[in-house]
Amino acid sequence: MSLVRQRLLFVDDEPGIRQTLPVILRKYGFAVTVTATVSEAIEVPFADATP
């Protein structure tokens, strides 16, 4: 049985939060992509995302 690693797109404009919270989430097994703005977030490619 293979485990699926959950991916999380984390968007926050506060640099301290962007640096700290993803570290914690990664410790819990999430694959975290971090952006500072919604504009950046919508540009993040997810190759296996379904429409």
C-alpha atoms as a PDB file:
ATOM      1  CA  MET A   1       0.000   0.000   0.000  1.00  0.00           C
ATOM      2  CA  SER A   2       1.409   3.420  -0.910  1.00  0.00           C
ATOM      3  CA  LEU A   3       0.856   6.499   1.169  1.00  0.00           C
ATOM      4  CA  VAL A   4      -0.327   9.663  -0.534  1.00  0.00           C
ATOM      5  CA  ARG A   5       1.362  12.793   0.705  1.00  0.00           C
ATOM      6  CA  GLN A   6      -1.168  15.589   1.037  1.00  0.00           C
ATOM      7  CA  ARG A   7      -0.252  18.843  -0.671  1.00  0.00           C
ATOM      8  CA  LEU A   8      -1.111  22.217   0.747  1.00  0.00           C
ATOM      9  CA  LEU A   9      -0.942  25.617  -0.917  1.00  0.00           C
ATOM     10  CA  PHE A  10      -0.274  28.126   1.852  1.00  0.00           C
ATOM     11  CA  VAL A  11      -0.873  31.827   1.137  1.00  0.00           C
ATOM     12  CA  ASP A  12      -0.046  34.537   3.675  1.00  0.00           C
ATOM     13  CA  ASP A  13       1.293  38.072   3.415  1.00  0.00           C
ATOM     14  CA  GLU A  14       3.130  37.962   6.758  1.00  0.00           C
ATOM     15  CA  PRO A  15       6.746  36.815   6.276  1.00  0.00           C
ATOM     16  CA  GLY A  16       7.027  35.343   9.777  1.00  0.00           C
ATOM     17  CA  ILE A  17       3.941  33.200   9.292  1.00  0.00           C
ATOM     18  CA  ARG A  18       5.139  32.106   5.830  1.00  0.00           C
ATOM     19  CA  GLN A  19       8.407  30.936   7.377  1.00  0.00           C
ATOM     20  CA  THR A  20       7.079  29.293  10.539  1.00  0.00           C
ATOM     21  CA  LEU A  21       3.805  27.525   9.786  1.00  0.00           C
ATOM     22  CA  PRO A  22       5.018  25.560   6.742  1.00  0.00           C
ATOM     23  CA  VAL A  23       7.823  24.066   8.867  1.00  0.00           C
ATOM     24  CA  ILE A  24       5.226  22.739  11.296  1.00  0.00           C
ATOM     25  CA  LEU A  25       2.983  21.454   8.512  1.00  0.00           C
ATOM     26  CA  ARG A  26       5.899  19.637   6.872  1.00  0.00           C
ATOM     27  CA  LYS A  27       6.636  17.897  10.175  1.00  0.00           C
ATOM     28  CA  TYR A  28       3.098  16.489   9.963  1.00  0.00           C
ATOM     29  CA  GLY A  29       3.780  15.138   6.489  1.00  0.00           C
ATOM     30  CA  PHE A  30       2.293  17.798   4.240  1.00  0.00           C
ATOM     31  CA  ALA A  31       4.021  18.889   1.056  1.00  0.00           C
ATOM     32  CA  VAL A  32       3.711  22.668   1.372  1.00  0.00           C
ATOM     33  CA  THR A  33       3.982  25.293  -1.350  1.00  0.00           C
ATOM     34  CA  VAL A  34       4.169  28.831   0.009  1.00  0.00           C
ATOM     35  CA  THR A  35       3.179  32.089  -1.679  1.00  0.00           C
ATOM     36  CA  ALA A  36       2.729  35.648  -0.431  1.00  0.00           C
ATOM     37  CA  THR A  37      -0.223  36.660  -2.579  1.00  0.00           C
ATOM     38  CA  VAL A  38      -3.253  35.184  -4.298  1.00  0.00           C
ATOM     39  CA  SER A  39      -1.789  36.325  -7.612  1.00  0.00           C
ATOM     40  CA  GLU A  40       1.255  34.137  -6.967  1.00  0.00           C
ATOM     41  CA  ALA A  41      -0.904  31.263  -5.762  1.00  0.00           C
ATOM     42  CA  ILE A  42      -2.964  31.011  -8.942  1.00  0.00           C
ATOM     43  CA  GLU A  43       0.257  30.604 -10.901  1.00  0.00           C
ATOM     44  CA  VAL A  44       1.323  27.508  -8.936  1.00  0.00           C
ATOM     45  CA  PRO A  45       1.141  24.488 -11.225  1.00  0.00           C
ATOM     46  CA  PHE A  46      -0.361  21.269  -9.952  1.00  0.00           C
ATOM     47  CA  ALA A  47       0.436  18.689 -12.573  1.00  0.00           C
ATOM     48  CA  ASP A  48      -2.028  16.081 -11.347  1.00  0.00           C
ATOM     49  CA  ALA A  49      -4.877  18.442 -10.466  1.00  0.00           C
ATOM     50  CA  THR A  50      -8.173  17.657 -12.117  1.00  0.00           C
ATOM     51  CA  PRO A  51     -10.304  20.440 -13.577  1.00  0.00           C
END
